[in-house]
Amino acid sequence: MLFITSMMKIDTNYSPNFRAKFIKNTTISKQIENTKSYKDEIVSCIQIDPQNKFDIVALKNIAKYWAGAHFVTNIYHSACAMRDDSKYYKYNQIFAVTKQKDNFENLNSDSILGLVHVSPVDENSLFIEHIETDPEIISKTNREYKGIGTAILNYLKTITNKITCFPSSSKTVKKFYFKNDFVEYPPHSNMFIWYKV
């Protein structure tokens, strides 16, 4: 009896390619050095992958170092719950705008400009759980970057027909949502809704 064997190379170091997913380039405004003028700056819109340890570490670093941030710790804990397959976070998603242009498997927390955590309401509707822009950027009189939050909302508008949120009731926040075509309905309810026309 003749036995034929063949050598098969088995890669025991294989792991699935988990990483932040590049979605598209988008545009924000960046201040021209030593002026009060701005120019268009190309940045990346990405989806955070909670199964990628580098994405989780990046969110953890942001939660630690974004002084004055209101919601980034909530976004980080939500990502951890998504990683752990919590039934309460099923189908939730986290998106970011970042200066990083490549190598998204090694997400750099220093390059992230803004984040949003959304949950599904139904098949064509999203609820904004939390949205946050780097507070160091928005706290300055002469901001280095403008339009980060708008860039995030503009991306969400491409993937759903309706967006709802209950933001803080400050005049600045309300003005931001009105500027981005949200309506407060019912009036004085602090519930803001955007519908695809």
N, C-alpha and C. Protein backbone atom coordinates (compact mmCIF):
# COMPACT_ATOMS: atom_id res chain seq x y z
N MET A 1 0.85 -1.17 0.00
CA MET A 1 0.00 0.00 0.00
C MET A 1 0.89 1.23 0.00
N LEU A 2 0.56 2.18 -0.85
CA LEU A 2 1.37 3.38 -0.99
C LEU A 2 0.61 4.56 -0.41
N PHE A 3 1.22 5.28 0.53
CA PHE A 3 0.59 6.47 1.11
C PHE A 3 1.32 7.69 0.57
N ILE A 4 0.55 8.60 0.07
CA ILE A 4 1.13 9.85 -0.43
C ILE A 4 0.74 10.97 0.53
N THR A 5 1.70 11.65 1.01
CA THR A 5 1.41 12.78 1.90
C THR A 5 1.93 14.04 1.26
N SER A 6 1.31 15.11 1.58
CA SER A 6 1.80 16.40 1.05
C SER A 6 1.96 17.36 2.22
N MET A 7 2.89 18.22 2.07
CA MET A 7 3.13 19.23 3.09
C MET A 7 2.20 20.41 2.84
N MET A 8 1.47 20.82 3.85
CA MET A 8 0.61 21.97 3.72
C MET A 8 1.05 22.99 4.76
N LYS A 9 1.31 24.20 4.30
CA LYS A 9 1.72 25.24 5.23
C LYS A 9 0.47 25.82 5.89
N ILE A 10 0.42 25.80 7.21
CA ILE A 10 -0.70 26.36 7.94
C ILE A 10 -0.18 27.56 8.71
N ASP A 11 -0.78 28.70 8.43
CA ASP A 11 -0.38 29.92 9.11
C ASP A 11 -1.15 30.02 10.42
N THR A 12 -0.48 29.75 11.52
CA THR A 12 -1.14 29.78 12.82
C THR A 12 -1.24 31.20 13.38
N ASN A 13 -0.66 32.16 12.69
CA ASN A 13 -0.74 33.54 13.15
C ASN A 13 -1.86 34.32 12.47
N TYR A 14 -2.69 33.66 11.72
CA TYR A 14 -3.76 34.34 10.99
C TYR A 14 -4.77 34.93 11.96
N SER A 15 -5.19 36.14 11.69
CA SER A 15 -6.31 36.73 12.41
C SER A 15 -7.09 37.57 11.42
N PRO A 16 -8.41 37.65 11.58
CA PRO A 16 -9.21 38.45 10.64
C PRO A 16 -8.73 39.90 10.63
N ASN A 17 -8.96 40.58 9.51
CA ASN A 17 -8.48 41.93 9.34
C ASN A 17 -9.46 42.93 9.96
N PHE A 18 -9.40 43.09 11.27
CA PHE A 18 -10.24 44.05 11.96
C PHE A 18 -9.52 45.39 11.98
N ARG A 19 -10.20 46.44 11.62
CA ARG A 19 -9.62 47.77 11.66
C ARG A 19 -10.71 48.81 11.41
N ALA A 20 -10.40 50.04 11.74
CA ALA A 20 -11.31 51.12 11.40
C ALA A 20 -11.52 51.10 9.89
N LYS A 21 -12.74 51.23 9.48
CA LYS A 21 -13.07 51.12 8.06
C LYS A 21 -13.13 52.51 7.43
N PHE A 22 -12.27 52.74 6.45
CA PHE A 22 -12.33 54.00 5.70
C PHE A 22 -13.62 54.03 4.91
N ILE A 23 -14.34 55.14 5.03
CA ILE A 23 -15.59 55.26 4.30
C ILE A 23 -15.42 56.18 3.10
N LYS A 24 -14.95 57.39 3.37
CA LYS A 24 -14.79 58.35 2.28
C LYS A 24 -13.97 59.53 2.76
N ASN A 25 -13.45 60.27 1.81
CA ASN A 25 -12.84 61.56 2.13
C ASN A 25 -13.95 62.59 2.24
N THR A 26 -13.75 63.55 3.11
CA THR A 26 -14.71 64.64 3.24
C THR A 26 -13.92 65.92 3.46
N THR A 27 -14.59 67.05 3.43
CA THR A 27 -13.91 68.33 3.51
C THR A 27 -14.36 69.11 4.75
N ILE A 28 -13.40 69.65 5.46
CA ILE A 28 -13.66 70.62 6.52
C ILE A 28 -12.83 71.86 6.20
N SER A 29 -12.91 72.87 7.05
CA SER A 29 -12.11 74.09 6.83
C SER A 29 -10.93 74.12 7.79
N LYS A 30 -9.77 74.48 7.27
CA LYS A 30 -8.57 74.62 8.09
C LYS A 30 -8.03 76.03 7.95
N GLN A 31 -7.67 76.61 9.09
CA GLN A 31 -7.16 77.97 9.10
C GLN A 31 -5.82 78.04 8.37
N ILE A 32 -5.71 79.06 7.52
CA ILE A 32 -4.44 79.30 6.84
C ILE A 32 -3.51 79.96 7.85
N GLU A 33 -2.32 79.42 8.00
CA GLU A 33 -1.38 79.86 9.04
C GLU A 33 -1.15 81.37 8.98
N ASN A 34 -1.17 81.99 10.16
CA ASN A 34 -0.94 83.43 10.34
C ASN A 34 -1.98 84.32 9.67
N THR A 35 -3.18 83.77 9.43
CA THR A 35 -4.27 84.57 8.86
C THR A 35 -5.56 84.21 9.59
N LYS A 36 -6.62 84.93 9.25
CA LYS A 36 -7.95 84.60 9.78
C LYS A 36 -8.79 83.90 8.71
N SER A 37 -8.14 83.56 7.61
CA SER A 37 -8.83 82.91 6.49
C SER A 37 -8.73 81.39 6.61
N TYR A 38 -9.62 80.71 5.90
CA TYR A 38 -9.66 79.25 5.92
C TYR A 38 -9.62 78.70 4.50
N LYS A 39 -9.14 77.48 4.40
CA LYS A 39 -9.14 76.78 3.11
C LYS A 39 -9.71 75.38 3.35
N ASP A 40 -10.15 74.74 2.28
CA ASP A 40 -10.67 73.37 2.38
C ASP A 40 -9.55 72.41 2.74
N GLU A 41 -9.84 71.49 3.63
CA GLU A 41 -8.89 70.46 4.05
C GLU A 41 -9.56 69.11 3.90
N ILE A 42 -8.91 68.19 3.21
CA ILE A 42 -9.44 66.84 3.04
C ILE A 42 -9.13 66.02 4.29
N VAL A 43 -10.16 65.40 4.87
CA VAL A 43 -10.00 64.52 6.02
C VAL A 43 -10.73 63.21 5.71
N SER A 44 -10.55 62.23 6.57
CA SER A 44 -11.14 60.91 6.35
C SER A 44 -12.32 60.68 7.27
N CYS A 45 -13.37 60.14 6.70
CA CYS A 45 -14.51 59.69 7.49
C CYS A 45 -14.36 58.17 7.61
N ILE A 46 -14.37 57.67 8.87
CA ILE A 46 -14.15 56.25 9.10
C ILE A 46 -15.21 55.68 10.04
N GLN A 47 -15.35 54.38 9.99
CA GLN A 47 -16.20 53.69 10.96
C GLN A 47 -15.30 52.94 11.93
N ILE A 48 -15.51 53.16 13.21
CA ILE A 48 -14.74 52.49 14.25
C ILE A 48 -15.12 51.01 14.29
N ASP A 49 -14.11 50.15 14.39
CA ASP A 49 -14.34 48.71 14.53
C ASP A 49 -14.08 48.33 15.99
N PRO A 50 -15.13 48.06 16.76
CA PRO A 50 -14.94 47.74 18.18
C PRO A 50 -14.12 46.46 18.41
N GLN A 51 -13.99 45.62 17.39
CA GLN A 51 -13.21 44.39 17.53
C GLN A 51 -11.70 44.62 17.34
N ASN A 52 -11.34 45.82 16.92
CA ASN A 52 -9.94 46.16 16.73
C ASN A 52 -9.40 46.82 18.00
N LYS A 53 -8.42 46.19 18.63
CA LYS A 53 -7.90 46.71 19.90
C LYS A 53 -7.32 48.11 19.73
N PHE A 54 -6.77 48.43 18.55
CA PHE A 54 -6.21 49.75 18.34
C PHE A 54 -7.30 50.82 18.30
N ASP A 55 -8.46 50.47 17.75
CA ASP A 55 -9.58 51.42 17.76
C ASP A 55 -10.05 51.68 19.19
N ILE A 56 -10.12 50.60 19.98
CA ILE A 56 -10.55 50.74 21.38
C ILE A 56 -9.53 51.58 22.16
N VAL A 57 -8.26 51.32 21.94
CA VAL A 57 -7.20 52.09 22.63
C VAL A 57 -7.27 53.56 22.22
N ALA A 58 -7.52 53.82 20.94
CA ALA A 58 -7.62 55.22 20.47
C ALA A 58 -8.77 55.92 21.19
N LEU A 59 -9.92 55.25 21.30
CA LEU A 59 -11.06 55.86 22.00
C LEU A 59 -10.75 56.04 23.49
N LYS A 60 -10.06 55.08 24.07
CA LYS A 60 -9.68 55.19 25.49
C LYS A 60 -8.78 56.40 25.70
N ASN A 61 -7.81 56.60 24.80
CA ASN A 61 -6.91 57.75 24.91
C ASN A 61 -7.66 59.07 24.77
N ILE A 62 -8.59 59.10 23.83
CA ILE A 62 -9.39 60.32 23.65
C ILE A 62 -10.20 60.61 24.90
N ALA A 63 -10.82 59.56 25.46
CA ALA A 63 -11.61 59.74 26.69
C ALA A 63 -10.74 60.29 27.82
N LYS A 64 -9.47 59.91 27.81
CA LYS A 64 -8.56 60.35 28.87
C LYS A 64 -8.04 61.76 28.64
N TYR A 65 -7.78 62.12 27.40
CA TYR A 65 -7.06 63.36 27.13
C TYR A 65 -7.89 64.49 26.54
N TRP A 66 -9.12 64.24 26.10
CA TRP A 66 -9.94 65.35 25.60
C TRP A 66 -10.52 66.09 26.80
N ALA A 67 -9.77 66.98 27.39
CA ALA A 67 -10.22 67.73 28.57
C ALA A 67 -11.43 68.58 28.21
N GLY A 68 -12.44 68.49 29.03
CA GLY A 68 -13.65 69.28 28.80
C GLY A 68 -14.67 68.60 27.90
N ALA A 69 -14.36 67.40 27.43
CA ALA A 69 -15.33 66.67 26.59
C ALA A 69 -16.48 66.17 27.46
N HIS A 70 -17.68 66.21 26.90
CA HIS A 70 -18.87 65.82 27.67
C HIS A 70 -19.28 64.37 27.42
N PHE A 71 -19.05 63.87 26.20
CA PHE A 71 -19.64 62.58 25.84
C PHE A 71 -18.64 61.52 25.38
N VAL A 72 -17.37 61.87 25.24
CA VAL A 72 -16.43 60.93 24.65
C VAL A 72 -16.24 59.69 25.53
N THR A 73 -16.34 59.82 26.84
CA THR A 73 -16.25 58.65 27.72
C THR A 73 -17.42 57.71 27.47
N ASN A 74 -18.61 58.27 27.24
CA ASN A 74 -19.77 57.45 26.90
C ASN A 74 -19.55 56.71 25.59
N ILE A 75 -18.94 57.40 24.62
CA ILE A 75 -18.68 56.77 23.32
C ILE A 75 -17.69 55.62 23.49
N TYR A 76 -16.66 55.84 24.28
CA TYR A 76 -15.68 54.79 24.55
C TYR A 76 -16.33 53.58 25.22
N HIS A 77 -17.14 53.81 26.25
CA HIS A 77 -17.80 52.69 26.94
C HIS A 77 -18.80 51.98 26.02
N SER A 78 -19.44 52.73 25.14
CA SER A 78 -20.35 52.11 24.16
C SER A 78 -19.58 51.19 23.22
N ALA A 79 -18.39 51.64 22.78
CA ALA A 79 -17.55 50.81 21.90
C ALA A 79 -17.16 49.52 22.61
N CYS A 80 -16.83 49.63 23.90
CA CYS A 80 -16.47 48.43 24.67
C CYS A 80 -17.66 47.48 24.78
N ALA A 81 -18.85 48.02 24.98
CA ALA A 81 -20.05 47.18 25.04
C ALA A 81 -20.32 46.53 23.69
N MET A 82 -20.09 47.26 22.60
CA MET A 82 -20.26 46.68 21.26
C MET A 82 -19.25 45.56 21.04
N ARG A 83 -18.01 45.78 21.49
CA ARG A 83 -16.96 44.76 21.38
C ARG A 83 -17.37 43.48 22.12
N ASP A 84 -18.03 43.67 23.26
CA ASP A 84 -18.44 42.53 24.09
C ASP A 84 -19.80 41.96 23.72
N ASP A 85 -20.32 42.38 22.56
CA ASP A 85 -21.59 41.87 22.02
C ASP A 85 -22.77 42.09 22.95
N SER A 86 -22.81 43.24 23.61
CA SER A 86 -23.96 43.56 24.46
C SER A 86 -25.21 43.66 23.61
N LYS A 87 -26.27 43.01 24.06
CA LYS A 87 -27.53 43.04 23.30
C LYS A 87 -28.11 44.45 23.25
N TYR A 88 -27.71 45.31 24.18
CA TYR A 88 -28.22 46.68 24.22
C TYR A 88 -27.56 47.58 23.18
N TYR A 89 -26.47 47.10 22.59
CA TYR A 89 -25.76 47.90 21.60
C TYR A 89 -25.74 47.23 20.23
N LYS A 90 -26.63 46.30 20.03
CA LYS A 90 -26.69 45.60 18.75
C LYS A 90 -27.03 46.60 17.64
N TYR A 91 -26.28 46.55 16.59
CA TYR A 91 -26.44 47.40 15.41
C TYR A 91 -26.04 48.86 15.66
N ASN A 92 -25.47 49.19 16.82
CA ASN A 92 -24.95 50.54 17.04
C ASN A 92 -23.69 50.71 16.21
N GLN A 93 -23.37 51.96 15.89
CA GLN A 93 -22.18 52.25 15.11
C GLN A 93 -21.51 53.51 15.64
N ILE A 94 -20.20 53.57 15.47
CA ILE A 94 -19.43 54.76 15.83
C ILE A 94 -18.63 55.18 14.60
N PHE A 95 -18.74 56.46 14.27
CA PHE A 95 -18.02 57.02 13.14
C PHE A 95 -17.11 58.14 13.64
N ALA A 96 -16.06 58.41 12.88
CA ALA A 96 -15.12 59.46 13.26
C ALA A 96 -14.66 60.23 12.03
N VAL A 97 -14.25 61.47 12.27
CA VAL A 97 -13.54 62.26 11.27
C VAL A 97 -12.12 62.39 11.79
N THR A 98 -11.16 62.06 10.93
CA THR A 98 -9.76 62.04 11.34
C THR A 98 -8.85 62.67 10.28
N LYS A 99 -7.75 63.25 10.74
CA LYS A 99 -6.72 63.77 9.81
C LYS A 99 -5.93 62.63 9.20
N GLN A 100 -6.02 61.45 9.79
CA GLN A 100 -5.26 60.28 9.31
C GLN A 100 -5.72 59.91 7.90
N LYS A 101 -4.79 59.63 7.04
CA LYS A 101 -5.11 59.35 5.63
C LYS A 101 -5.00 57.87 5.26
N ASP A 102 -4.28 57.09 6.07
CA ASP A 102 -4.09 55.68 5.76
C ASP A 102 -3.74 54.92 7.03
N ASN A 103 -3.37 53.65 6.89
CA ASN A 103 -2.96 52.82 8.03
C ASN A 103 -4.03 52.81 9.13
N PHE A 104 -5.29 52.64 8.71
CA PHE A 104 -6.41 52.73 9.64
C PHE A 104 -6.47 51.55 10.61
N GLU A 105 -5.67 50.50 10.35
CA GLU A 105 -5.61 49.41 11.32
C GLU A 105 -4.87 49.85 12.59
N ASN A 106 -4.13 50.95 12.50
CA ASN A 106 -3.44 51.54 13.65
C ASN A 106 -3.95 52.96 13.84
N LEU A 107 -5.14 53.07 14.34
CA LEU A 107 -5.79 54.37 14.47
C LEU A 107 -5.04 55.24 15.47
N ASN A 108 -4.75 56.47 15.05
CA ASN A 108 -4.01 57.42 15.87
C ASN A 108 -4.98 58.36 16.57
N SER A 109 -5.05 58.28 17.89
CA SER A 109 -6.00 59.09 18.65
C SER A 109 -5.72 60.59 18.48
N ASP A 110 -4.47 60.96 18.27
CA ASP A 110 -4.13 62.38 18.11
C ASP A 110 -4.68 62.98 16.82
N SER A 111 -5.06 62.13 15.88
CA SER A 111 -5.56 62.63 14.59
C SER A 111 -7.08 62.73 14.53
N ILE A 112 -7.75 62.16 15.51
CA ILE A 112 -9.22 62.17 15.48
C ILE A 112 -9.73 63.54 15.88
N LEU A 113 -10.63 64.08 15.05
CA LEU A 113 -11.18 65.42 15.26
C LEU A 113 -12.58 65.39 15.86
N GLY A 114 -13.34 64.34 15.54
CA GLY A 114 -14.71 64.26 16.03
C GLY A 114 -15.25 62.86 15.94
N LEU A 115 -16.27 62.57 16.77
CA LEU A 115 -16.87 61.24 16.85
C LEU A 115 -18.39 61.35 16.94
N VAL A 116 -19.06 60.31 16.49
CA VAL A 116 -20.50 60.20 16.69
C VAL A 116 -20.85 58.74 16.95
N HIS A 117 -21.75 58.53 17.91
CA HIS A 117 -22.29 57.20 18.21
C HIS A 117 -23.76 57.23 17.86
N VAL A 118 -24.19 56.31 16.98
CA VAL A 118 -25.59 56.26 16.56
C VAL A 118 -26.18 54.88 16.81
N SER A 119 -27.49 54.86 17.01
CA SER A 119 -28.21 53.60 17.15
C SER A 119 -29.38 53.61 16.16
N PRO A 120 -29.80 52.44 15.70
CA PRO A 120 -30.91 52.40 14.75
C PRO A 120 -32.24 52.59 15.47
N VAL A 121 -33.13 53.33 14.82
CA VAL A 121 -34.50 53.46 15.32
C VAL A 121 -35.38 52.47 14.57
N ASP A 122 -35.22 52.47 13.27
CA ASP A 122 -35.85 51.47 12.40
C ASP A 122 -34.96 51.35 11.17
N GLU A 123 -35.47 50.76 10.12
CA GLU A 123 -34.64 50.46 8.95
C GLU A 123 -34.02 51.70 8.31
N ASN A 124 -34.73 52.83 8.34
CA ASN A 124 -34.25 54.02 7.66
C ASN A 124 -34.11 55.23 8.58
N SER A 125 -33.82 54.98 9.84
CA SER A 125 -33.74 56.07 10.79
C SER A 125 -32.66 55.81 11.83
N LEU A 126 -31.91 56.86 12.16
CA LEU A 126 -30.85 56.77 13.15
C LEU A 126 -31.10 57.74 14.29
N PHE A 127 -30.65 57.36 15.46
CA PHE A 127 -30.69 58.24 16.63
C PHE A 127 -29.26 58.55 17.04
N ILE A 128 -28.94 59.84 17.19
CA ILE A 128 -27.61 60.23 17.65
C ILE A 128 -27.58 60.09 19.17
N GLU A 129 -26.83 59.11 19.61
CA GLU A 129 -26.65 58.92 21.06
C GLU A 129 -25.72 59.99 21.62
N HIS A 130 -24.57 60.17 20.95
CA HIS A 130 -23.59 61.17 21.37
C HIS A 130 -22.80 61.64 20.16
N ILE A 131 -22.51 62.91 20.15
CA ILE A 131 -21.62 63.47 19.12
C ILE A 131 -20.64 64.40 19.84
N GLU A 132 -19.39 64.33 19.45
CA GLU A 132 -18.35 65.09 20.18
C GLU A 132 -17.27 65.53 19.21
N THR A 133 -16.87 66.78 19.33
CA THR A 133 -15.71 67.30 18.60
C THR A 133 -14.63 67.61 19.63
N ASP A 134 -13.40 67.45 19.25
CA ASP A 134 -12.28 67.73 20.16
C ASP A 134 -12.49 69.10 20.80
N PRO A 135 -12.71 69.14 22.13
CA PRO A 135 -13.01 70.41 22.78
C PRO A 135 -11.87 71.43 22.70
N GLU A 136 -10.65 70.97 22.53
CA GLU A 136 -9.53 71.91 22.40
C GLU A 136 -9.67 72.74 21.13
N ILE A 137 -10.27 72.13 20.10
CA ILE A 137 -10.47 72.85 18.83
C ILE A 137 -11.61 73.86 18.97
N ILE A 138 -12.74 73.41 19.51
CA ILE A 138 -13.92 74.29 19.51
C ILE A 138 -13.88 75.36 20.61
N SER A 139 -12.97 75.21 21.57
CA SER A 139 -12.91 76.20 22.66
C SER A 139 -12.10 77.43 22.28
N LYS A 140 -11.35 77.37 21.20
CA LYS A 140 -10.49 78.48 20.80
C LYS A 140 -11.28 79.53 20.00
N THR A 141 -10.90 80.79 20.19
CA THR A 141 -11.53 81.87 19.43
C THR A 141 -11.19 81.73 17.96
N ASN A 142 -9.90 81.56 17.66
CA ASN A 142 -9.48 81.31 16.28
C ASN A 142 -9.24 79.81 16.12
N ARG A 143 -10.25 79.11 15.69
CA ARG A 143 -10.16 77.66 15.57
C ARG A 143 -9.26 77.25 14.40
N GLU A 144 -8.48 76.20 14.64
CA GLU A 144 -7.65 75.67 13.55
C GLU A 144 -8.53 74.98 12.51
N TYR A 145 -9.59 74.31 12.99
CA TYR A 145 -10.51 73.60 12.09
C TYR A 145 -11.94 74.04 12.34
N LYS A 146 -12.73 74.08 11.28
CA LYS A 146 -14.17 74.35 11.38
C LYS A 146 -14.92 73.33 10.54
N GLY A 147 -16.15 73.05 10.95
CA GLY A 147 -17.02 72.20 10.15
C GLY A 147 -16.89 70.72 10.43
N ILE A 148 -16.29 70.34 11.56
CA ILE A 148 -16.11 68.92 11.88
C ILE A 148 -17.47 68.26 12.16
N GLY A 149 -18.27 68.89 13.02
CA GLY A 149 -19.59 68.34 13.34
C GLY A 149 -20.48 68.27 12.11
N THR A 150 -20.42 69.29 11.28
CA THR A 150 -21.21 69.31 10.05
C THR A 150 -20.78 68.19 9.11
N ALA A 151 -19.47 67.94 9.02
CA ALA A 151 -18.97 66.84 8.17
C ALA A 151 -19.51 65.50 8.66
N ILE A 152 -19.57 65.32 9.99
CA ILE A 152 -20.11 64.09 10.55
C ILE A 152 -21.58 63.95 10.19
N LEU A 153 -22.37 65.01 10.40
CA LEU A 153 -23.79 64.96 10.08
C LEU A 153 -24.02 64.73 8.59
N ASN A 154 -23.20 65.37 7.75
CA ASN A 154 -23.36 65.19 6.30
C ASN A 154 -23.15 63.74 5.90
N TYR A 155 -22.21 63.05 6.56
CA TYR A 155 -22.05 61.63 6.26
C TYR A 155 -23.28 60.85 6.70
N LEU A 156 -23.77 61.09 7.90
CA LEU A 156 -24.96 60.36 8.38
C LEU A 156 -26.14 60.55 7.42
N LYS A 157 -26.25 61.74 6.86
CA LYS A 157 -27.36 62.03 5.94
C LYS A 157 -27.30 61.20 4.67
N THR A 158 -26.12 60.63 4.37
CA THR A 158 -26.01 59.80 3.16
C THR A 158 -26.42 58.35 3.41
N ILE A 159 -26.59 57.95 4.68
CA ILE A 159 -26.87 56.54 4.98
C ILE A 159 -28.24 56.31 5.61
N THR A 160 -29.03 57.38 5.77
CA THR A 160 -30.33 57.22 6.39
C THR A 160 -31.29 58.27 5.87
N ASN A 161 -32.57 58.07 6.13
CA ASN A 161 -33.60 59.03 5.71
C ASN A 161 -34.05 59.95 6.83
N LYS A 162 -33.69 59.60 8.06
CA LYS A 162 -34.15 60.39 9.20
C LYS A 162 -33.11 60.29 10.33
N ILE A 163 -32.82 61.43 10.95
CA ILE A 163 -31.91 61.47 12.09
C ILE A 163 -32.62 62.21 13.22
N THR A 164 -32.57 61.64 14.40
CA THR A 164 -33.19 62.26 15.57
C THR A 164 -32.15 62.39 16.68
N CYS A 165 -32.28 63.42 17.51
CA CYS A 165 -31.41 63.55 18.67
C CYS A 165 -32.05 64.45 19.71
N PHE A 166 -31.58 64.31 20.94
CA PHE A 166 -31.95 65.18 22.05
C PHE A 166 -30.66 65.82 22.58
N PRO A 167 -30.18 66.88 21.92
CA PRO A 167 -28.91 67.46 22.34
C PRO A 167 -29.08 68.33 23.59
N SER A 168 -27.96 68.86 24.07
CA SER A 168 -28.07 69.80 25.18
C SER A 168 -28.85 71.01 24.68
N SER A 169 -29.49 71.72 25.58
CA SER A 169 -30.41 72.78 25.17
C SER A 169 -29.75 74.15 25.08
N SER A 170 -28.42 74.19 25.00
CA SER A 170 -27.74 75.50 24.90
C SER A 170 -28.03 76.13 23.54
N LYS A 171 -27.96 77.45 23.50
CA LYS A 171 -28.23 78.18 22.26
C LYS A 171 -27.25 77.79 21.16
N THR A 172 -25.99 77.60 21.54
CA THR A 172 -24.95 77.24 20.56
C THR A 172 -25.26 75.90 19.91
N VAL A 173 -25.65 74.92 20.71
CA VAL A 173 -25.94 73.59 20.18
C VAL A 173 -27.18 73.63 19.30
N LYS A 174 -28.21 74.33 19.74
CA LYS A 174 -29.43 74.44 18.93
C LYS A 174 -29.13 75.12 17.59
N LYS A 175 -28.32 76.16 17.65
CA LYS A 175 -27.93 76.86 16.42
C LYS A 175 -27.21 75.92 15.46
N PHE A 176 -26.35 75.06 16.00
CA PHE A 176 -25.63 74.08 15.18
C PHE A 176 -26.61 73.16 14.44
N TYR A 177 -27.62 72.65 15.13
CA TYR A 177 -28.57 71.75 14.48
C TYR A 177 -29.46 72.48 13.48
N PHE A 178 -29.90 73.68 13.82
CA PHE A 178 -30.70 74.46 12.87
C PHE A 178 -29.90 74.72 11.60
N LYS A 179 -28.61 75.06 11.77
CA LYS A 179 -27.73 75.34 10.62
C LYS A 179 -27.60 74.10 9.73
N ASN A 180 -27.72 72.92 10.32
CA ASN A 180 -27.57 71.67 9.56
C ASN A 180 -28.92 71.06 9.17
N ASP A 181 -29.93 71.92 9.04
CA ASP A 181 -31.25 71.55 8.49
C ASP A 181 -32.08 70.64 9.38
N PHE A 182 -31.83 70.64 10.68
CA PHE A 182 -32.69 69.94 11.63
C PHE A 182 -33.81 70.89 12.05
N VAL A 183 -34.92 70.31 12.44
CA VAL A 183 -36.02 71.10 12.98
C VAL A 183 -36.28 70.62 14.41
N GLU A 184 -36.71 71.54 15.25
CA GLU A 184 -37.07 71.17 16.62
C GLU A 184 -38.57 70.88 16.63
N TYR A 185 -38.89 69.63 16.84
CA TYR A 185 -40.30 69.24 16.79
C TYR A 185 -40.61 68.19 17.85
N PRO A 186 -41.68 68.42 18.62
CA PRO A 186 -42.50 69.64 18.68
C PRO A 186 -41.66 70.84 19.15
N PRO A 187 -42.13 72.06 18.86
CA PRO A 187 -41.39 73.25 19.27
C PRO A 187 -41.12 73.24 20.79
N HIS A 188 -39.94 73.69 21.15
CA HIS A 188 -39.49 73.80 22.55
C HIS A 188 -39.39 72.44 23.26
N SER A 189 -39.28 71.37 22.50
CA SER A 189 -39.19 70.02 23.08
C SER A 189 -37.75 69.56 23.24
N ASN A 190 -36.82 70.27 22.57
CA ASN A 190 -35.42 69.89 22.49
C ASN A 190 -35.21 68.56 21.75
N MET A 191 -36.20 68.15 20.96
CA MET A 191 -36.02 67.00 20.07
C MET A 191 -35.78 67.55 18.67
N PHE A 192 -34.62 67.22 18.12
CA PHE A 192 -34.26 67.72 16.80
C PHE A 192 -34.31 66.57 15.79
N ILE A 193 -34.91 66.87 14.63
CA ILE A 193 -35.11 65.84 13.61
C ILE A 193 -34.67 66.38 12.25
N TRP A 194 -33.99 65.53 11.53
CA TRP A 194 -33.66 65.82 10.12
C TRP A 194 -34.31 64.75 9.26
N TYR A 195 -34.98 65.19 8.18
CA TYR A 195 -35.60 64.27 7.21
C TYR A 195 -34.95 64.46 5.85
N LYS A 196 -34.72 63.37 5.17
CA LYS A 196 -34.25 63.45 3.78
C LYS A 196 -35.40 63.94 2.92
N VAL A 197 -35.14 64.95 2.13
CA VAL A 197 -36.21 65.53 1.28
C VAL A 197 -36.33 64.74 0.00
